[in-house]
Amino acid sequence: TSVLVNYLLILIQFAMTQKMGEQIELQKIALQDWI
């Protein structure tokens, strides 16, 4: 149970970091288009 919970938290954190990076890239592209 502890392994499942800890591994799940790590994977979710990795997924959220990946999505945050994608959103930052989209914001940079939108800012470049606006400029």
Full PDB file with SEQRES, HELIX, SHEET, SSBOND, CRYST1, ORIGX, SCALE, CONECT and MASTER records, all heavy atoms in Angstrom:
SEQRES   1 A   35  THR SER VAL LEU VAL ASN TYR LEU LEU ILE LEU ILE GLN          
SEQRES   2 A   35  PHE ALA MET THR GLN LYS MET GLY GLU GLN ILE GLU LEU          
SEQRES   3 A   35  GLN LYS ILE ALA LEU GLN ASP TRP ILE                          
HELIX    1 AA1 SER A    2  TRP A   34  1                                  33    
CRYST1    1.000    1.000    1.000  90.00  90.00  90.00 P 1           1          
ORIGX1      1.000000  0.000000  0.000000        0.00000                         
ORIGX2      0.000000  1.000000  0.000000        0.00000                         
ORIGX3      0.000000  0.000000  1.000000        0.00000                         
SCALE1      1.000000  0.000000  0.000000        0.00000                         
SCALE2      0.000000  1.000000  0.000000        0.00000                         
SCALE3      0.000000  0.000000  1.000000        0.00000                         
ATOM      1  N   THR A   1       0.827  -1.211   0.000  1.00  0.00           N  
ATOM      2  CA  THR A   1       0.000   0.000   0.000  1.00  0.00           C  
ATOM      3  C   THR A   1       0.860   1.259   0.000  1.00  0.00           C  
ATOM      4  O   THR A   1       0.603   2.213  -0.743  1.00  0.00           O  
ATOM      5  CB  THR A   1      -0.933  -0.002   1.216  1.00  0.00           C  
ATOM      6  OG1 THR A   1      -1.708  -1.205   1.219  1.00  0.00           O  
ATOM      7  CG2 THR A   1      -1.872   1.191   1.181  1.00  0.00           C  
ATOM      8  N   SER A   2       1.900   1.263   0.839  1.00  0.00           N  
ATOM      9  CA  SER A   2       2.774   2.435   0.879  1.00  0.00           C  
ATOM     10  C   SER A   2       3.520   2.625  -0.436  1.00  0.00           C  
ATOM     11  O   SER A   2       3.695   3.759  -0.904  1.00  0.00           O  
ATOM     12  CB  SER A   2       3.773   2.296   2.039  1.00  0.00           C  
ATOM     13  OG  SER A   2       4.617   1.170   1.848  1.00  0.00           O  
ATOM     14  N   VAL A   3       3.952   1.520  -1.047  1.00  0.00           N  
ATOM     15  CA  VAL A   3       4.625   1.626  -2.350  1.00  0.00           C  
ATOM     16  C   VAL A   3       3.680   2.191  -3.400  1.00  0.00           C  
ATOM     17  O   VAL A   3       4.063   3.067  -4.198  1.00  0.00           O  
ATOM     18  CB  VAL A   3       5.166   0.244  -2.783  1.00  0.00           C  
ATOM     19  CG1 VAL A   3       5.608   0.262  -4.241  1.00  0.00           C  
ATOM     20  CG2 VAL A   3       6.316  -0.179  -1.897  1.00  0.00           C  
ATOM     21  N   LEU A   4       2.442   1.704  -3.406  1.00  0.00           N  
ATOM     22  CA  LEU A   4       1.472   2.204  -4.379  1.00  0.00           C  
ATOM     23  C   LEU A   4       1.224   3.695  -4.199  1.00  0.00           C  
ATOM     24  O   LEU A   4       1.213   4.458  -5.174  1.00  0.00           O  
ATOM     25  CB  LEU A   4       0.151   1.428  -4.241  1.00  0.00           C  
ATOM     26  CG  LEU A   4       0.137  -0.012  -4.740  1.00  0.00           C  
ATOM     27  CD1 LEU A   4      -1.172  -0.685  -4.347  1.00  0.00           C  
ATOM     28  CD2 LEU A   4       0.304  -0.062  -6.245  1.00  0.00           C  
ATOM     29  N   VAL A   5       1.053   4.124  -2.971  1.00  0.00           N  
ATOM     30  CA  VAL A   5       0.759   5.540  -2.717  1.00  0.00           C  
ATOM     31  C   VAL A   5       1.950   6.419  -3.071  1.00  0.00           C  
ATOM     32  O   VAL A   5       1.807   7.456  -3.751  1.00  0.00           O  
ATOM     33  CB  VAL A   5       0.344   5.730  -1.239  1.00  0.00           C  
ATOM     34  CG1 VAL A   5       0.215   7.213  -0.928  1.00  0.00           C  
ATOM     35  CG2 VAL A   5      -0.971   5.020  -0.965  1.00  0.00           C  
ATOM     36  N   ASN A   6       3.146   6.029  -2.637  1.00  0.00           N  
ATOM     37  CA  ASN A   6       4.329   6.847  -2.924  1.00  0.00           C  
ATOM     38  C   ASN A   6       4.619   6.920  -4.423  1.00  0.00           C  
ATOM     39  O   ASN A   6       4.932   7.998  -4.961  1.00  0.00           O  
ATOM     40  CB  ASN A   6       5.547   6.280  -2.189  1.00  0.00           C  
ATOM     41  CG  ASN A   6       5.434   6.426  -0.694  1.00  0.00           C  
ATOM     42  OD1 ASN A   6       4.813   7.356  -0.193  1.00  0.00           O  
ATOM     43  ND2 ASN A   6       6.031   5.516   0.054  1.00  0.00           N  
ATOM     44  N   TYR A   7       4.514   5.775  -5.101  1.00  0.00           N  
ATOM     45  CA  TYR A   7       4.764   5.760  -6.537  1.00  0.00           C  
ATOM     46  C   TYR A   7       3.714   6.572  -7.279  1.00  0.00           C  
ATOM     47  O   TYR A   7       4.005   7.261  -8.260  1.00  0.00           O  
ATOM     48  CB  TYR A   7       4.788   4.316  -7.040  1.00  0.00           C  
ATOM     49  CG  TYR A   7       5.303   4.158  -8.444  1.00  0.00           C  
ATOM     50  CD1 TYR A   7       6.451   4.812  -8.868  1.00  0.00           C  
ATOM     51  CD2 TYR A   7       4.643   3.329  -9.349  1.00  0.00           C  
ATOM     52  CE1 TYR A   7       6.930   4.653 -10.148  1.00  0.00           C  
ATOM     53  CE2 TYR A   7       5.114   3.172 -10.636  1.00  0.00           C  
ATOM     54  CZ  TYR A   7       6.260   3.828 -11.028  1.00  0.00           C  
ATOM     55  OH  TYR A   7       6.729   3.669 -12.301  1.00  0.00           O  
ATOM     56  N   LEU A   8       2.481   6.501  -6.808  1.00  0.00           N  
ATOM     57  CA  LEU A   8       1.413   7.284  -7.423  1.00  0.00           C  
ATOM     58  C   LEU A   8       1.688   8.774  -7.289  1.00  0.00           C  
ATOM     59  O   LEU A   8       1.527   9.542  -8.253  1.00  0.00           O  
ATOM     60  CB  LEU A   8       0.081   6.933  -6.757  1.00  0.00           C  
ATOM     61  CG  LEU A   8      -1.122   7.795  -7.119  1.00  0.00           C  
ATOM     62  CD1 LEU A   8      -1.430   7.665  -8.595  1.00  0.00           C  
ATOM     63  CD2 LEU A   8      -2.318   7.410  -6.283  1.00  0.00           C  
ATOM     64  N   LEU A   9       2.125   9.228  -6.117  1.00  0.00           N  
ATOM     65  CA  LEU A   9       2.421  10.643  -5.921  1.00  0.00           C  
ATOM     66  C   LEU A   9       3.553  11.104  -6.831  1.00  0.00           C  
ATOM     67  O   LEU A   9       3.503  12.206  -7.398  1.00  0.00           O  
ATOM     68  CB  LEU A   9       2.774  10.900  -4.458  1.00  0.00           C  
ATOM     69  CG  LEU A   9       1.638  10.704  -3.439  1.00  0.00           C  
ATOM     70  CD1 LEU A   9       2.159  10.869  -2.020  1.00  0.00           C  
ATOM     71  CD2 LEU A   9       0.502  11.676  -3.717  1.00  0.00           C  
ATOM     72  N   ILE A  10       4.562  10.252  -6.990  1.00  0.00           N  
ATOM     73  CA  ILE A  10       5.679  10.620  -7.874  1.00  0.00           C  
ATOM     74  C   ILE A  10       5.209  10.741  -9.321  1.00  0.00           C  
ATOM     75  O   ILE A  10       5.557  11.695 -10.030  1.00  0.00           O  
ATOM     76  CB  ILE A  10       6.801   9.569  -7.750  1.00  0.00           C  
ATOM     77  CG1 ILE A  10       7.416   9.615  -6.352  1.00  0.00           C  
ATOM     78  CG2 ILE A  10       7.877   9.807  -8.798  1.00  0.00           C  
ATOM     79  CD1 ILE A  10       8.406   8.509  -6.076  1.00  0.00           C  
ATOM     80  N   LEU A  11       4.396   9.790  -9.757  1.00  0.00           N  
ATOM     81  CA  LEU A  11       3.926   9.831 -11.145  1.00  0.00           C  
ATOM     82  C   LEU A  11       3.011  11.021 -11.397  1.00  0.00           C  
ATOM     83  O   LEU A  11       3.085  11.670 -12.450  1.00  0.00           O  
ATOM     84  CB  LEU A  11       3.197   8.518 -11.462  1.00  0.00           C  
ATOM     85  CG  LEU A  11       4.084   7.284 -11.627  1.00  0.00           C  
ATOM     86  CD1 LEU A  11       3.226   6.045 -11.790  1.00  0.00           C  
ATOM     87  CD2 LEU A  11       5.018   7.431 -12.813  1.00  0.00           C  
ATOM     88  N   ILE A  12       2.148  11.323 -10.459  1.00  0.00           N  
ATOM     89  CA  ILE A  12       1.250  12.472 -10.632  1.00  0.00           C  
ATOM     90  C   ILE A  12       2.055  13.777 -10.646  1.00  0.00           C  
ATOM     91  O   ILE A  12       1.783  14.684 -11.444  1.00  0.00           O  
ATOM     92  CB  ILE A  12       0.193  12.488  -9.520  1.00  0.00           C  
ATOM     93  CG1 ILE A  12      -0.771  11.317  -9.702  1.00  0.00           C  
ATOM     94  CG2 ILE A  12      -0.574  13.799  -9.521  1.00  0.00           C  
ATOM     95  CD1 ILE A  12      -1.821  11.213  -8.632  1.00  0.00           C  
ATOM     96  N   GLN A  13       3.056  13.865  -9.792  1.00  0.00           N  
ATOM     97  CA  GLN A  13       3.901  15.053  -9.789  1.00  0.00           C  
ATOM     98  C   GLN A  13       4.641  15.203 -11.114  1.00  0.00           C  
ATOM     99  O   GLN A  13       4.754  16.310 -11.662  1.00  0.00           O  
ATOM    100  CB  GLN A  13       4.903  14.967  -8.640  1.00  0.00           C  
ATOM    101  CG  GLN A  13       5.781  16.210  -8.492  1.00  0.00           C  
ATOM    102  CD  GLN A  13       6.745  16.093  -7.327  1.00  0.00           C  
ATOM    103  OE1 GLN A  13       6.825  15.046  -6.695  1.00  0.00           O  
ATOM    104  NE2 GLN A  13       7.474  17.163  -7.057  1.00  0.00           N  
ATOM    105  N   PHE A  14       5.110  14.082 -11.653  1.00  0.00           N  
ATOM    106  CA  PHE A  14       5.786  14.126 -12.952  1.00  0.00           C  
ATOM    107  C   PHE A  14       4.824  14.554 -14.056  1.00  0.00           C  
ATOM    108  O   PHE A  14       5.176  15.366 -14.936  1.00  0.00           O  
ATOM    109  CB  PHE A  14       6.356  12.743 -13.279  1.00  0.00           C  
ATOM    110  CG  PHE A  14       6.992  12.649 -14.635  1.00  0.00           C  
ATOM    111  CD1 PHE A  14       8.241  13.189 -14.872  1.00  0.00           C  
ATOM    112  CD2 PHE A  14       6.321  12.019 -15.685  1.00  0.00           C  
ATOM    113  CE1 PHE A  14       8.828  13.103 -16.121  1.00  0.00           C  
ATOM    114  CE2 PHE A  14       6.886  11.929 -16.931  1.00  0.00           C  
ATOM    115  CZ  PHE A  14       8.156  12.470 -17.153  1.00  0.00           C  
ATOM    116  N   ALA A  15       3.588  14.029 -14.007  1.00  0.00           N  
ATOM    117  CA  ALA A  15       2.608  14.401 -15.026  1.00  0.00           C  
ATOM    118  C   ALA A  15       2.247  15.882 -14.936  1.00  0.00           C  
ATOM    119  O   ALA A  15       2.128  16.570 -15.965  1.00  0.00           O  
ATOM    120  CB  ALA A  15       1.352  13.547 -14.866  1.00  0.00           C  
ATOM    121  N   MET A  16       2.083  16.387 -13.723  1.00  0.00           N  
ATOM    122  CA  MET A  16       1.745  17.797 -13.559  1.00  0.00           C  
ATOM    123  C   MET A  16       2.900  18.693 -14.003  1.00  0.00           C  
ATOM    124  O   MET A  16       2.692  19.756 -14.606  1.00  0.00           O  
ATOM    125  CB  MET A  16       1.375  18.082 -12.097  1.00  0.00           C  
ATOM    126  CG  MET A  16       0.099  17.379 -11.645  1.00  0.00           C  
ATOM    127  SD  MET A  16      -0.326  17.719  -9.929  1.00  0.00           S  
ATOM    128  CE  MET A  16      -0.724  19.463 -10.033  1.00  0.00           C  
ATOM    129  N   THR A  17       4.137  18.271 -13.728  1.00  0.00           N  
ATOM    130  CA  THR A  17       5.291  19.039 -14.193  1.00  0.00           C  
ATOM    131  C   THR A  17       5.354  19.061 -15.708  1.00  0.00           C  
ATOM    132  O   THR A  17       5.659  20.097 -16.322  1.00  0.00           O  
ATOM    133  CB  THR A  17       6.580  18.425 -13.620  1.00  0.00           C  
ATOM    134  OG1 THR A  17       6.491  18.370 -12.201  1.00  0.00           O  
ATOM    135  CG2 THR A  17       7.791  19.244 -14.025  1.00  0.00           C  
ATOM    136  N   GLN A  18       5.050  17.900 -16.326  1.00  0.00           N  
ATOM    137  CA  GLN A  18       5.037  17.834 -17.788  1.00  0.00           C  
ATOM    138  C   GLN A  18       3.970  18.757 -18.373  1.00  0.00           C  
ATOM    139  O   GLN A  18       4.221  19.489 -19.337  1.00  0.00           O  
ATOM    140  CB  GLN A  18       4.803  16.387 -18.229  1.00  0.00           C  
ATOM    141  CG  GLN A  18       4.892  16.173 -19.726  1.00  0.00           C  
ATOM    142  CD  GLN A  18       4.624  14.718 -20.095  1.00  0.00           C  
ATOM    143  OE1 GLN A  18       3.962  13.998 -19.352  1.00  0.00           O  
ATOM    144  NE2 GLN A  18       5.112  14.303 -21.242  1.00  0.00           N  
ATOM    145  N   LYS A  19       2.788  18.753 -17.785  1.00  0.00           N  
ATOM    146  CA  LYS A  19       1.714  19.621 -18.280  1.00  0.00           C  
ATOM    147  C   LYS A  19       2.056  21.093 -18.052  1.00  0.00           C  
ATOM    148  O   LYS A  19       1.755  21.942 -18.882  1.00  0.00           O  
ATOM    149  CB  LYS A  19       0.399  19.262 -17.580  1.00  0.00           C  
ATOM    150  CG  LYS A  19      -0.182  17.941 -18.013  1.00  0.00           C  
ATOM    151  CD  LYS A  19      -1.489  17.668 -17.313  1.00  0.00           C  
ATOM    152  CE  LYS A  19      -2.053  16.322 -17.756  1.00  0.00           C  
ATOM    153  NZ  LYS A  19      -2.437  16.341 -19.168  1.00  0.00           N  
ATOM    154  N   MET A  20       2.713  21.386 -16.929  1.00  0.00           N  
ATOM    155  CA  MET A  20       3.095  22.775 -16.668  1.00  0.00           C  
ATOM    156  C   MET A  20       4.114  23.248 -17.697  1.00  0.00           C  
ATOM    157  O   MET A  20       4.057  24.391 -18.181  1.00  0.00           O  
ATOM    158  CB  MET A  20       3.662  22.889 -15.247  1.00  0.00           C  
ATOM    159  CG  MET A  20       3.939  24.326 -14.813  1.00  0.00           C  
ATOM    160  SD  MET A  20       4.573  24.382 -13.119  1.00  0.00           S  
ATOM    161  CE  MET A  20       3.156  23.699 -12.239  1.00  0.00           C  
ATOM    162  N   GLY A  21       5.059  22.387 -18.048  1.00  0.00           N  
ATOM    163  CA  GLY A  21       6.023  22.743 -19.081  1.00  0.00           C  
ATOM    164  C   GLY A  21       5.365  22.991 -20.424  1.00  0.00           C  
ATOM    165  O   GLY A  21       5.747  23.920 -21.160  1.00  0.00           O  
ATOM    166  N   GLU A  22       4.373  22.152 -20.764  1.00  0.00           N  
ATOM    167  CA  GLU A  22       3.660  22.363 -22.018  1.00  0.00           C  
ATOM    168  C   GLU A  22       2.906  23.689 -22.006  1.00  0.00           C  
ATOM    169  O   GLU A  22       2.877  24.415 -23.007  1.00  0.00           O  
ATOM    170  CB  GLU A  22       2.692  21.202 -22.256  1.00  0.00           C  
ATOM    171  CG  GLU A  22       3.381  19.866 -22.514  1.00  0.00           C  
ATOM    172  CD  GLU A  22       2.389  18.724 -22.611  1.00  0.00           C  
ATOM    173  OE1 GLU A  22       1.177  18.985 -22.389  1.00  0.00           O  
ATOM    174  OE2 GLU A  22       2.815  17.589 -22.897  1.00  0.00           O  
ATOM    175  N   GLN A  23       2.301  24.033 -20.882  1.00  0.00           N  
ATOM    176  CA  GLN A  23       1.580  25.301 -20.798  1.00  0.00           C  
ATOM    177  C   GLN A  23       2.524  26.493 -20.903  1.00  0.00           C  
ATOM    178  O   GLN A  23       2.209  27.507 -21.535  1.00  0.00           O  
ATOM    179  CB  GLN A  23       0.807  25.360 -19.478  1.00  0.00           C  
ATOM    180  CG  GLN A  23      -0.365  24.397 -19.411  1.00  0.00           C  
ATOM    181  CD  GLN A  23      -1.056  24.430 -18.059  1.00  0.00           C  
ATOM    182  OE1 GLN A  23      -0.645  25.171 -17.170  1.00  0.00           O  
ATOM    183  NE2 GLN A  23      -2.101  23.615 -17.921  1.00  0.00           N  
ATOM    184  N   ILE A  24       3.729  26.388 -20.307  1.00  0.00           N  
ATOM    185  CA  ILE A  24       4.700  27.475 -20.417  1.00  0.00           C  
ATOM    186  C   ILE A  24       5.130  27.662 -21.861  1.00  0.00           C  
ATOM    187  O   ILE A  24       5.276  28.802 -22.350  1.00  0.00           O  
ATOM    188  CB  ILE A  24       5.907  27.193 -19.502  1.00  0.00           C  
ATOM    189  CG1 ILE A  24       5.484  27.268 -18.028  1.00  0.00           C  
ATOM    190  CG2 ILE A  24       7.049  28.163 -19.777  1.00  0.00           C  
ATOM    191  CD1 ILE A  24       6.571  26.854 -17.059  1.00  0.00           C  
ATOM    192  N   GLU A  25       5.343  26.549 -22.579  1.00  0.00           N  
ATOM    193  CA  GLU A  25       5.714  26.642 -23.990  1.00  0.00           C  
ATOM    194  C   GLU A  25       4.607  27.307 -24.801  1.00  0.00           C  
ATOM    195  O   GLU A  25       4.870  28.133 -25.681  1.00  0.00           O  
ATOM    196  CB  GLU A  25       6.023  25.249 -24.535  1.00  0.00           C  
ATOM    197  CG  GLU A  25       7.307  24.632 -24.006  1.00  0.00           C  
ATOM    198  CD  GLU A  25       8.533  25.413 -24.431  1.00  0.00           C  
ATOM    199  OE1 GLU A  25       8.515  25.996 -25.540  1.00  0.00           O  
ATOM    200  OE2 GLU A  25       9.497  25.445 -23.651  1.00  0.00           O  
ATOM    201  N   LEU A  26       3.354  26.961 -24.516  1.00  0.00           N  
ATOM    202  CA  LEU A  26       2.238  27.584 -25.235  1.00  0.00           C  
ATOM    203  C   LEU A  26       2.161  29.075 -24.924  1.00  0.00           C  
ATOM    204  O   LEU A  26       1.879  29.898 -25.819  1.00  0.00           O  
ATOM    205  CB  LEU A  26       0.926  26.887 -24.849  1.00  0.00           C  
ATOM    206  CG  LEU A  26       0.748  25.446 -25.336  1.00  0.00           C  
ATOM    207  CD1 LEU A  26      -0.537  24.848 -24.776  1.00  0.00           C  
ATOM    208  CD2 LEU A  26       0.726  25.397 -26.860  1.00  0.00           C  
ATOM    209  N   GLN A  27       2.415  29.469 -23.687  1.00  0.00           N  
ATOM    210  CA  GLN A  27       2.399  30.892 -23.340  1.00  0.00           C  
ATOM    211  C   GLN A  27       3.531  31.645 -24.027  1.00  0.00           C  
ATOM    212  O   GLN A  27       3.356  32.782 -24.479  1.00  0.00           O  
ATOM    213  CB  GLN A  27       2.500  31.046 -21.823  1.00  0.00           C  
ATOM    214  CG  GLN A  27       1.260  30.602 -21.069  1.00  0.00           C  
ATOM    215  CD  GLN A  27       1.438  30.685 -19.571  1.00  0.00           C  
ATOM    216  OE1 GLN A  27       2.502  31.078 -19.082  1.00  0.00           O  
ATOM    217  NE2 GLN A  27       0.397  30.302 -18.828  1.00  0.00           N  
ATOM    218  N   LYS A  28       4.704  31.018 -24.138  1.00  0.00           N  
ATOM    219  CA  LYS A  28       5.821  31.665 -24.836  1.00  0.00           C  
ATOM    220  C   LYS A  28       5.502  31.870 -26.312  1.00  0.00           C  
ATOM    221  O   LYS A  28       5.789  32.932 -26.889  1.00  0.00           O  
ATOM    222  CB  LYS A  28       7.086  30.811 -24.684  1.00  0.00           C  
ATOM    223  CG  LYS A  28       7.674  30.829 -23.280  1.00  0.00           C  
ATOM    224  CD  LYS A  28       8.797  29.823 -23.126  1.00  0.00           C  
ATOM    225  CE  LYS A  28       9.938  30.106 -24.073  1.00  0.00           C  
ATOM    226  NZ  LYS A  28      11.052  29.159 -23.877  1.00  0.00           N  
ATOM    227  N   ILE A  29       4.877  30.859 -26.906  1.00  0.00           N  
ATOM    228  CA  ILE A  29       4.512  30.980 -28.327  1.00  0.00           C  
ATOM    229  C   ILE A  29       3.471  32.075 -28.507  1.00  0.00           C  
ATOM    230  O   ILE A  29       3.539  32.908 -29.447  1.00  0.00           O  
ATOM    231  CB  ILE A  29       4.006  29.634 -28.859  1.00  0.00           C  
ATOM    232  CG1 ILE A  29       5.145  28.594 -28.878  1.00  0.00           C  
ATOM    233  CG2 ILE A  29       3.414  29.783 -30.251  1.00  0.00           C  
ATOM    234  CD1 ILE A  29       4.697  27.208 -29.210  1.00  0.00           C  
ATOM    235  N   ALA A  30       2.478  32.122 -27.604  1.00  0.00           N  
ATOM    236  CA  ALA A  30       1.463  33.174 -27.707  1.00  0.00           C  
ATOM    237  C   ALA A  30       2.058  34.558 -27.504  1.00  0.00           C  
ATOM    238  O   ALA A  30       1.683  35.525 -28.179  1.00  0.00           O  
ATOM    239  CB  ALA A  30       0.368  32.907 -26.671  1.00  0.00           C  
ATOM    240  N   LEU A  31       3.021  34.687 -26.586  1.00  0.00           N  
ATOM    241  CA  LEU A  31       3.668  35.976 -26.344  1.00  0.00           C  
ATOM    242  C   LEU A  31       4.497  36.421 -27.534  1.00  0.00           C  
ATOM    243  O   LEU A  31       4.477  37.598 -27.929  1.00  0.00           O  
ATOM    244  CB  LEU A  31       4.547  35.868 -25.087  1.00  0.00           C  
ATOM    245  CG  LEU A  31       5.247  37.167 -24.645  1.00  0.00           C  
ATOM    246  CD1 LEU A  31       4.207  38.254 -24.308  1.00  0.00           C  
ATOM    247  CD2 LEU A  31       6.140  36.892 -23.431  1.00  0.00           C  
ATOM    248  N   GLN A  32       5.190  35.457 -28.139  1.00  0.00           N  
ATOM    249  CA  GLN A  32       5.975  35.775 -29.340  1.00  0.00           C  
ATOM    250  C   GLN A  32       5.072  36.216 -30.487  1.00  0.00           C  
ATOM    251  O   GLN A  32       5.392  37.156 -31.247  1.00  0.00           O  
ATOM    252  CB  GLN A  32       6.831  34.570 -29.751  1.00  0.00           C  
ATOM    253  CG  GLN A  32       7.976  34.280 -28.790  1.00  0.00           C  
ATOM    254  CD  GLN A  32       8.689  33.000 -29.147  1.00  0.00           C  
ATOM    255  OE1 GLN A  32       8.316  32.294 -30.086  1.00  0.00           O  
ATOM    256  NE2 GLN A  32       9.730  32.665 -28.378  1.00  0.00           N  
ATOM    257  N   ASP A  33       3.928  35.550 -30.662  1.00  0.00           N  
ATOM    258  CA  ASP A  33       2.987  35.963 -31.713  1.00  0.00           C  
ATOM    259  C   ASP A  33       2.431  37.358 -31.434  1.00  0.00           C  
ATOM    260  O   ASP A  33       2.217  38.153 -32.363  1.00  0.00           O  
ATOM    261  CB  ASP A  33       1.832  34.944 -31.796  1.00  0.00           C  
ATOM    262  CG  ASP A  33       2.296  33.586 -32.309  1.00  0.00           C  
ATOM    263  OD1 ASP A  33       3.365  33.536 -32.938  1.00  0.00           O  
ATOM    264  OD2 ASP A  33       1.593  32.579 -32.057  1.00  0.00           O  
ATOM    265  N   TRP A  34       2.193  37.684 -30.179  1.00  0.00           N  
ATOM    266  CA  TRP A  34       1.633  39.000 -29.835  1.00  0.00           C  
ATOM    267  C   TRP A  34       2.663  40.117 -30.063  1.00  0.00           C  
ATOM    268  O   TRP A  34       2.345  41.191 -30.529  1.00  0.00           O  
ATOM    269  CB  TRP A  34       1.212  38.980 -28.372  1.00  0.00           C  
ATOM    270  CG  TRP A  34       0.588  40.280 -27.936  1.00  0.00           C  
ATOM    271  CD1 TRP A  34      -0.622  40.784 -28.294  1.00  0.00           C  
ATOM    272  CD2 TRP A  34       1.194  41.240 -27.070  1.00  0.00           C  
ATOM    273  NE1 TRP A  34      -0.847  41.987 -27.705  1.00  0.00           N  
ATOM    274  CE2 TRP A  34       0.274  42.320 -26.934  1.00  0.00           C  
ATOM    275  CE3 TRP A  34       2.416  41.306 -26.397  1.00  0.00           C  
ATOM    276  CZ2 TRP A  34       0.548  43.429 -26.161  1.00  0.00           C  
ATOM    277  CZ3 TRP A  34       2.663  42.421 -25.638  1.00  0.00           C  
ATOM    278  CH2 TRP A  34       1.747  43.467 -25.517  1.00  0.00           C  
ATOM    279  N   ILE A  35       3.933  39.772 -29.744  1.00  0.00           N  
ATOM    280  CA  ILE A  35       4.978  40.769 -29.959  1.00  0.00           C  
ATOM    281  C   ILE A  35       5.246  40.966 -31.447  1.00  0.00           C  
ATOM    282  O   ILE A  35       5.506  42.079 -31.916  1.00  0.00           O  
ATOM    283  CB  ILE A  35       6.273  40.355 -29.221  1.00  0.00           C  
ATOM    284  CG1 ILE A  35       6.020  40.389 -27.707  1.00  0.00           C  
ATOM    285  CG2 ILE A  35       7.435  41.273 -29.575  1.00  0.00           C  
ATOM    286  CD1 ILE A  35       7.170  39.877 -26.878  1.00  0.00           C  
TER     287      ILE A  35                                                      
MASTER        0    0    0    1    0    0    0    6  286    1    0    3          
END                                                                             
